[in-house]
C-alpha cells in the first residue's frame, strides 16, 4: 500500500512522502512532525523564517495536502511547481548532509524526487488536469 500521485509526480510509501515533506521543510528552516522543538505541536508542520502560509501558497498546499487522497488543481499545480523550484538551491545544499533511503533512494535521492514532483505538477498544469493523490 502506498501513495501514487498522477502525472508521474510521486509513487512510494505514505511514510516516504512524509519524509520528503520533512526534508523539504528542514531545507528551508521549517519543521515536520515529530519535532525537535518541544514547543511545536506534533499535529502541525511549521515554516522556517521568511516563509508563511500567506506568502507561499504553493508550499502551503504541498505541505498541507493529504498524503492519501484529494487533488491539486491545475492552477495551483503551477504555483506549487514554481515555489518548489524556487527552493531547489536550499534542497540541493541540504541534500549534501542528509542521506536518502528507501523509495527516495530508489528514485535518485531527495533532489531528484523533488524535481520529479515539480515536473508532475508542471505536466498537470500544461494539460489542465488536476494532480490526483491516490
N, C-alpha and C. Protein backbone atom coordinates (compact mmCIF):
# COMPACT_ATOMS: atom_id res chain seq x y z
N UNK A 1 0.85 -1.18 0.00
CA UNK A 1 0.00 0.00 0.00
C UNK A 1 0.89 1.24 0.00
N UNK A 2 0.50 2.21 -0.77
CA UNK A 2 1.30 3.41 -0.83
C UNK A 2 0.58 4.53 -1.53
N UNK A 3 1.30 5.59 -1.78
CA UNK A 3 0.75 6.78 -2.41
C UNK A 3 1.21 6.85 -3.86
N UNK A 4 0.24 7.04 -4.73
CA UNK A 4 0.52 7.28 -6.13
C UNK A 4 -0.04 8.66 -6.46
N UNK A 5 0.80 9.54 -6.99
CA UNK A 5 0.37 10.87 -7.42
C UNK A 5 0.50 10.90 -8.94
N UNK A 6 -0.58 11.27 -9.61
CA UNK A 6 -0.63 11.22 -11.06
C UNK A 6 0.42 12.10 -11.72
N UNK A 7 0.51 11.97 -13.02
CA UNK A 7 1.43 12.74 -13.87
C UNK A 7 2.90 12.46 -13.52
N UNK A 8 3.12 11.29 -12.92
CA UNK A 8 4.48 10.90 -12.59
C UNK A 8 5.11 11.67 -11.45
N UNK A 9 4.28 12.37 -10.67
CA UNK A 9 4.81 13.24 -9.61
C UNK A 9 5.42 12.46 -8.45
N UNK A 10 4.80 11.34 -8.07
CA UNK A 10 5.31 10.58 -6.92
C UNK A 10 4.69 9.20 -6.91
N UNK A 11 5.47 8.21 -6.49
CA UNK A 11 4.98 6.85 -6.32
C UNK A 11 5.83 6.19 -5.25
N UNK A 12 5.25 6.00 -4.07
CA UNK A 12 6.00 5.39 -2.98
C UNK A 12 5.15 5.27 -1.74
N UNK A 13 5.76 4.89 -0.67
CA UNK A 13 5.06 4.72 0.60
C UNK A 13 4.57 6.07 1.14
N UNK A 14 3.49 6.02 1.90
CA UNK A 14 3.00 7.24 2.56
C UNK A 14 4.09 7.85 3.43
N UNK A 15 4.80 7.00 4.14
CA UNK A 15 5.87 7.48 5.01
C UNK A 15 6.98 8.14 4.20
N UNK A 16 7.21 7.65 2.99
CA UNK A 16 8.24 8.25 2.14
C UNK A 16 7.83 9.65 1.73
N UNK A 17 6.55 9.84 1.40
CA UNK A 17 6.07 11.17 1.05
C UNK A 17 6.22 12.11 2.24
N UNK A 18 5.91 11.63 3.42
CA UNK A 18 6.09 12.46 4.62
C UNK A 18 7.57 12.75 4.87
N UNK A 19 8.44 11.78 4.59
CA UNK A 19 9.88 12.02 4.72
C UNK A 19 10.34 13.09 3.72
N UNK A 20 9.78 13.07 2.53
CA UNK A 20 10.09 14.10 1.54
C UNK A 20 9.67 15.47 2.07
N UNK A 21 8.46 15.55 2.59
CA UNK A 21 7.99 16.83 3.12
C UNK A 21 8.82 17.28 4.32
N UNK A 22 9.18 16.35 5.18
CA UNK A 22 10.03 16.68 6.33
C UNK A 22 11.37 17.24 5.84
N UNK A 23 11.96 16.58 4.87
CA UNK A 23 13.24 17.00 4.31
C UNK A 23 13.12 18.40 3.69
N UNK A 24 12.10 18.62 2.89
CA UNK A 24 11.94 19.92 2.22
C UNK A 24 11.73 21.04 3.23
N UNK A 25 10.92 20.79 4.25
CA UNK A 25 10.73 21.81 5.29
C UNK A 25 12.04 22.11 6.01
N UNK A 26 12.77 21.07 6.36
CA UNK A 26 14.05 21.28 7.05
C UNK A 26 15.02 22.05 6.17
N UNK A 27 14.95 21.84 4.86
CA UNK A 27 15.88 22.53 3.97
C UNK A 27 15.64 24.04 3.94
N UNK A 28 14.44 24.47 4.32
CA UNK A 28 14.13 25.90 4.37
C UNK A 28 13.92 26.38 5.81
N UNK A 29 14.42 25.61 6.76
CA UNK A 29 14.38 26.02 8.16
C UNK A 29 13.10 25.71 8.90
N UNK A 30 12.23 24.91 8.30
CA UNK A 30 10.96 24.56 8.94
C UNK A 30 11.04 23.24 9.69
N UNK A 31 9.87 22.77 10.12
CA UNK A 31 9.82 21.54 10.91
C UNK A 31 8.56 20.75 10.60
N UNK A 32 8.74 19.45 10.42
CA UNK A 32 7.65 18.49 10.18
C UNK A 32 7.62 17.54 11.38
N UNK A 33 6.44 17.17 11.84
CA UNK A 33 6.39 16.28 13.00
C UNK A 33 6.99 14.89 12.71
N UNK A 34 7.57 14.24 13.73
CA UNK A 34 7.75 14.73 15.10
C UNK A 34 8.85 15.79 15.15
N UNK A 35 8.64 16.79 15.96
CA UNK A 35 9.52 17.95 16.01
C UNK A 35 10.63 17.80 17.06
N UNK A 36 11.75 18.46 16.77
CA UNK A 36 12.82 18.53 17.75
C UNK A 36 12.49 19.56 18.84
N UNK A 37 11.73 20.57 18.48
CA UNK A 37 11.35 21.64 19.40
C UNK A 37 10.10 21.21 20.19
N UNK A 38 10.19 21.05 21.50
CA UNK A 38 9.04 20.61 22.29
C UNK A 38 7.89 21.62 22.33
N UNK A 39 8.14 22.85 21.92
CA UNK A 39 7.07 23.86 21.88
C UNK A 39 6.13 23.65 20.69
N UNK A 40 6.58 22.89 19.69
CA UNK A 40 5.78 22.65 18.50
C UNK A 40 4.80 21.51 18.74
N UNK A 41 3.59 21.65 18.22
CA UNK A 41 2.58 20.61 18.32
C UNK A 41 2.81 19.58 17.23
N UNK A 42 2.76 18.31 17.59
CA UNK A 42 3.04 17.24 16.63
C UNK A 42 1.94 17.06 15.58
N UNK A 43 0.84 17.76 15.70
CA UNK A 43 -0.20 17.66 14.68
C UNK A 43 -0.09 18.77 13.63
N UNK A 44 0.98 19.57 13.70
CA UNK A 44 1.18 20.67 12.76
C UNK A 44 2.59 20.64 12.19
N UNK A 45 2.74 21.25 11.02
CA UNK A 45 4.06 21.49 10.45
C UNK A 45 4.30 23.00 10.52
N UNK A 46 5.56 23.41 10.47
CA UNK A 46 5.91 24.82 10.65
C UNK A 46 6.91 25.27 9.60
N UNK A 47 6.63 26.43 9.00
CA UNK A 47 7.57 27.05 8.07
C UNK A 47 8.76 27.61 8.83
N UNK A 48 9.86 27.78 8.12
CA UNK A 48 11.01 28.48 8.65
C UNK A 48 10.86 29.97 8.43
N UNK A 49 11.79 30.73 8.95
CA UNK A 49 11.79 32.19 8.83
C UNK A 49 11.79 32.60 7.35
N UNK A 50 10.95 33.56 7.01
CA UNK A 50 10.88 34.06 5.65
C UNK A 50 9.81 33.39 4.80
N UNK A 51 9.12 32.41 5.36
CA UNK A 51 8.07 31.70 4.65
C UNK A 51 6.79 31.77 5.48
N UNK A 52 5.65 31.83 4.81
CA UNK A 52 4.38 31.82 5.54
C UNK A 52 3.26 31.27 4.65
N UNK A 53 2.16 30.95 5.27
CA UNK A 53 1.01 30.46 4.52
C UNK A 53 0.42 31.56 3.64
N UNK A 54 0.72 32.80 3.95
CA UNK A 54 0.22 33.92 3.15
C UNK A 54 1.12 34.17 1.94
N UNK A 55 2.43 34.13 2.14
CA UNK A 55 3.36 34.45 1.05
C UNK A 55 3.72 33.24 0.19
N UNK A 56 3.48 32.05 0.67
CA UNK A 56 3.88 30.83 -0.05
C UNK A 56 2.71 29.85 -0.14
N UNK A 57 1.75 30.22 -0.95
CA UNK A 57 0.53 29.40 -1.12
C UNK A 57 0.83 28.02 -1.70
N UNK A 58 1.79 27.95 -2.63
CA UNK A 58 2.12 26.67 -3.24
C UNK A 58 2.77 25.70 -2.26
N UNK A 59 3.73 26.20 -1.48
CA UNK A 59 4.35 25.36 -0.46
C UNK A 59 3.33 24.96 0.61
N UNK A 60 2.44 25.89 0.94
CA UNK A 60 1.39 25.58 1.90
C UNK A 60 0.51 24.45 1.39
N UNK A 61 0.16 24.51 0.12
CA UNK A 61 -0.64 23.43 -0.50
C UNK A 61 0.11 22.11 -0.44
N UNK A 62 1.38 22.13 -0.79
CA UNK A 62 2.18 20.91 -0.80
C UNK A 62 2.31 20.31 0.60
N UNK A 63 2.70 21.13 1.57
CA UNK A 63 2.91 20.61 2.91
C UNK A 63 1.61 20.25 3.62
N UNK A 64 0.53 20.96 3.30
CA UNK A 64 -0.73 20.73 3.99
C UNK A 64 -1.64 19.72 3.33
N UNK A 65 -1.28 19.25 2.15
CA UNK A 65 -2.15 18.34 1.41
C UNK A 65 -2.19 16.96 2.05
N UNK A 66 -3.33 16.32 1.94
CA UNK A 66 -3.47 14.94 2.40
C UNK A 66 -2.43 14.07 1.72
N UNK A 67 -1.95 13.07 2.43
CA UNK A 67 -0.97 12.16 1.82
C UNK A 67 -1.62 10.91 1.27
N UNK A 68 -2.95 10.90 1.16
CA UNK A 68 -3.58 9.68 0.66
C UNK A 68 -4.73 9.90 -0.31
N UNK A 69 -5.23 11.12 -0.44
CA UNK A 69 -6.31 11.35 -1.40
C UNK A 69 -6.43 12.84 -1.71
N UNK A 70 -7.32 13.15 -2.63
CA UNK A 70 -7.56 14.54 -3.00
C UNK A 70 -6.81 14.93 -4.25
N UNK A 71 -6.94 16.20 -4.61
CA UNK A 71 -6.33 16.71 -5.82
C UNK A 71 -5.71 18.08 -5.56
N UNK A 72 -4.81 18.46 -6.45
CA UNK A 72 -4.31 19.82 -6.52
C UNK A 72 -4.76 20.33 -7.89
N UNK A 73 -5.42 21.46 -7.92
CA UNK A 73 -5.95 22.00 -9.17
C UNK A 73 -4.83 22.33 -10.14
N UNK A 74 -5.13 22.36 -11.43
CA UNK A 74 -4.10 22.72 -12.41
C UNK A 74 -3.47 24.09 -12.13
N UNK A 75 -4.28 25.05 -11.73
CA UNK A 75 -3.76 26.39 -11.44
C UNK A 75 -2.81 26.35 -10.25
N UNK A 76 -3.19 25.63 -9.20
CA UNK A 76 -2.34 25.53 -8.02
C UNK A 76 -1.10 24.70 -8.31
N UNK A 77 -1.19 23.74 -9.23
CA UNK A 77 -0.01 22.95 -9.60
C UNK A 77 1.12 23.86 -10.08
N UNK A 78 0.79 24.89 -10.84
CA UNK A 78 1.82 25.82 -11.31
C UNK A 78 2.46 26.54 -10.14
N UNK A 79 1.66 26.97 -9.19
CA UNK A 79 2.18 27.68 -8.02
C UNK A 79 3.07 26.75 -7.19
N UNK A 80 2.60 25.51 -6.98
CA UNK A 80 3.40 24.53 -6.24
C UNK A 80 4.73 24.30 -6.95
N UNK A 81 4.69 24.08 -8.26
CA UNK A 81 5.91 23.83 -9.01
C UNK A 81 6.87 25.02 -8.94
N UNK A 82 6.34 26.22 -9.11
CA UNK A 82 7.19 27.42 -9.07
C UNK A 82 7.87 27.58 -7.71
N UNK A 83 7.11 27.35 -6.64
CA UNK A 83 7.66 27.55 -5.29
C UNK A 83 8.62 26.42 -4.90
N UNK A 84 8.34 25.19 -5.32
CA UNK A 84 9.30 24.11 -5.07
C UNK A 84 10.58 24.35 -5.86
N UNK A 85 10.44 24.82 -7.08
CA UNK A 85 11.62 25.12 -7.89
C UNK A 85 12.46 26.23 -7.26
N UNK A 86 11.78 27.21 -6.66
CA UNK A 86 12.50 28.33 -6.03
C UNK A 86 13.34 27.88 -4.84
N UNK A 87 12.96 26.79 -4.18
CA UNK A 87 13.74 26.34 -3.02
C UNK A 87 14.76 25.27 -3.40
N UNK A 88 14.87 24.92 -4.67
CA UNK A 88 15.83 23.88 -5.09
C UNK A 88 17.26 24.15 -4.63
N UNK A 89 17.75 25.40 -4.65
CA UNK A 89 19.12 25.60 -4.14
C UNK A 89 19.28 25.16 -2.69
N UNK A 90 18.31 25.45 -1.84
CA UNK A 90 18.38 25.01 -0.44
C UNK A 90 18.26 23.48 -0.36
N UNK A 91 17.40 22.91 -1.18
CA UNK A 91 17.21 21.46 -1.21
C UNK A 91 18.52 20.78 -1.61
N UNK A 92 19.15 21.30 -2.66
CA UNK A 92 20.41 20.71 -3.13
C UNK A 92 21.51 20.81 -2.07
N UNK A 93 21.58 21.93 -1.40
CA UNK A 93 22.59 22.11 -0.35
C UNK A 93 22.31 21.18 0.83
N UNK A 94 21.07 21.11 1.28
CA UNK A 94 20.70 20.28 2.42
C UNK A 94 20.91 18.80 2.11
N UNK A 95 20.69 18.42 0.86
CA UNK A 95 20.83 17.01 0.46
C UNK A 95 22.26 16.51 0.63
N UNK A 96 23.22 17.41 0.64
CA UNK A 96 24.62 17.02 0.82
C UNK A 96 24.88 16.43 2.20
N UNK A 97 24.04 16.80 3.17
CA UNK A 97 24.26 16.34 4.54
C UNK A 97 23.22 15.35 5.05
N UNK A 98 22.24 15.05 4.23
CA UNK A 98 21.16 14.14 4.64
C UNK A 98 21.11 12.94 3.70
N UNK A 99 21.26 11.75 4.22
CA UNK A 99 21.22 10.57 3.35
C UNK A 99 19.79 10.27 2.86
N UNK A 100 19.70 9.71 1.68
CA UNK A 100 18.42 9.24 1.15
C UNK A 100 18.35 7.74 1.36
N UNK A 101 17.14 7.22 1.47
CA UNK A 101 16.95 5.79 1.67
C UNK A 101 15.58 5.39 1.15
N UNK A 102 15.33 4.09 1.07
CA UNK A 102 14.04 3.57 0.64
C UNK A 102 13.64 4.03 -0.76
N UNK A 103 12.37 4.38 -0.89
CA UNK A 103 11.84 4.80 -2.19
C UNK A 103 12.52 6.06 -2.70
N UNK A 104 12.96 6.93 -1.80
CA UNK A 104 13.65 8.15 -2.21
C UNK A 104 14.98 7.77 -2.88
N UNK A 105 15.73 6.90 -2.27
CA UNK A 105 17.00 6.45 -2.85
C UNK A 105 16.74 5.73 -4.17
N UNK A 106 15.72 4.87 -4.21
CA UNK A 106 15.36 4.15 -5.43
C UNK A 106 15.14 5.11 -6.60
N UNK A 107 14.54 6.26 -6.29
CA UNK A 107 14.18 7.23 -7.33
C UNK A 107 15.22 8.32 -7.54
N UNK A 108 16.43 8.15 -6.99
CA UNK A 108 17.52 9.06 -7.30
C UNK A 108 17.90 10.04 -6.22
N UNK A 109 17.23 10.00 -5.08
CA UNK A 109 17.55 10.91 -3.97
C UNK A 109 16.55 12.05 -3.85
N UNK A 110 16.72 12.83 -2.80
CA UNK A 110 15.76 13.90 -2.49
C UNK A 110 15.65 14.95 -3.58
N UNK A 111 16.75 15.34 -4.16
CA UNK A 111 16.72 16.36 -5.21
C UNK A 111 15.96 15.83 -6.41
N UNK A 112 16.26 14.61 -6.83
CA UNK A 112 15.59 14.01 -7.99
C UNK A 112 14.09 13.85 -7.74
N UNK A 113 13.71 13.42 -6.54
CA UNK A 113 12.30 13.23 -6.22
C UNK A 113 11.57 14.57 -6.16
N UNK A 114 12.24 15.59 -5.67
CA UNK A 114 11.65 16.94 -5.66
C UNK A 114 11.43 17.42 -7.10
N UNK A 115 12.43 17.23 -7.93
CA UNK A 115 12.30 17.63 -9.34
C UNK A 115 11.20 16.83 -10.04
N UNK A 116 11.07 15.56 -9.69
CA UNK A 116 10.02 14.71 -10.26
C UNK A 116 8.65 15.26 -9.88
N UNK A 117 8.49 15.69 -8.64
CA UNK A 117 7.21 16.25 -8.22
C UNK A 117 6.93 17.56 -8.97
N UNK A 118 7.95 18.37 -9.12
CA UNK A 118 7.81 19.63 -9.88
C UNK A 118 7.36 19.33 -11.30
N UNK A 119 8.02 18.37 -11.95
CA UNK A 119 7.67 18.01 -13.32
C UNK A 119 6.24 17.49 -13.42
N UNK A 120 5.82 16.69 -12.44
CA UNK A 120 4.43 16.20 -12.43
C UNK A 120 3.44 17.34 -12.31
N UNK A 121 3.75 18.31 -11.45
CA UNK A 121 2.88 19.48 -11.31
C UNK A 121 2.83 20.28 -12.61
N UNK A 122 3.96 20.46 -13.24
CA UNK A 122 4.00 21.22 -14.50
C UNK A 122 3.20 20.51 -15.60
N UNK A 123 3.31 19.19 -15.66
CA UNK A 123 2.57 18.42 -16.65
C UNK A 123 1.06 18.53 -16.41
N UNK A 124 0.66 18.41 -15.16
CA UNK A 124 -0.77 18.54 -14.83
C UNK A 124 -1.28 19.93 -15.23
N UNK A 125 -0.49 20.96 -14.94
CA UNK A 125 -0.87 22.32 -15.30
C UNK A 125 -0.98 22.48 -16.82
N UNK A 126 0.02 21.98 -17.55
CA UNK A 126 0.02 22.09 -19.01
C UNK A 126 -1.19 21.40 -19.62
N UNK A 127 -1.59 20.27 -19.05
CA UNK A 127 -2.72 19.51 -19.57
C UNK A 127 -4.07 20.01 -19.01
N UNK A 128 -4.00 20.98 -18.09
CA UNK A 128 -5.19 21.48 -17.42
C UNK A 128 -5.95 20.36 -16.72
N UNK A 129 -5.19 19.50 -16.05
CA UNK A 129 -5.74 18.37 -15.30
C UNK A 129 -5.32 18.48 -13.85
N UNK A 130 -6.18 18.04 -12.93
CA UNK A 130 -5.77 18.05 -11.53
C UNK A 130 -4.71 16.98 -11.27
N UNK A 131 -3.83 17.27 -10.34
CA UNK A 131 -2.87 16.30 -9.85
C UNK A 131 -3.60 15.49 -8.79
N UNK A 132 -3.74 14.20 -9.01
CA UNK A 132 -4.53 13.36 -8.12
C UNK A 132 -3.65 12.54 -7.19
N UNK A 133 -4.03 12.53 -5.92
CA UNK A 133 -3.37 11.70 -4.91
C UNK A 133 -4.24 10.47 -4.71
N UNK A 134 -3.65 9.30 -4.95
CA UNK A 134 -4.42 8.05 -4.82
C UNK A 134 -3.72 7.07 -3.90
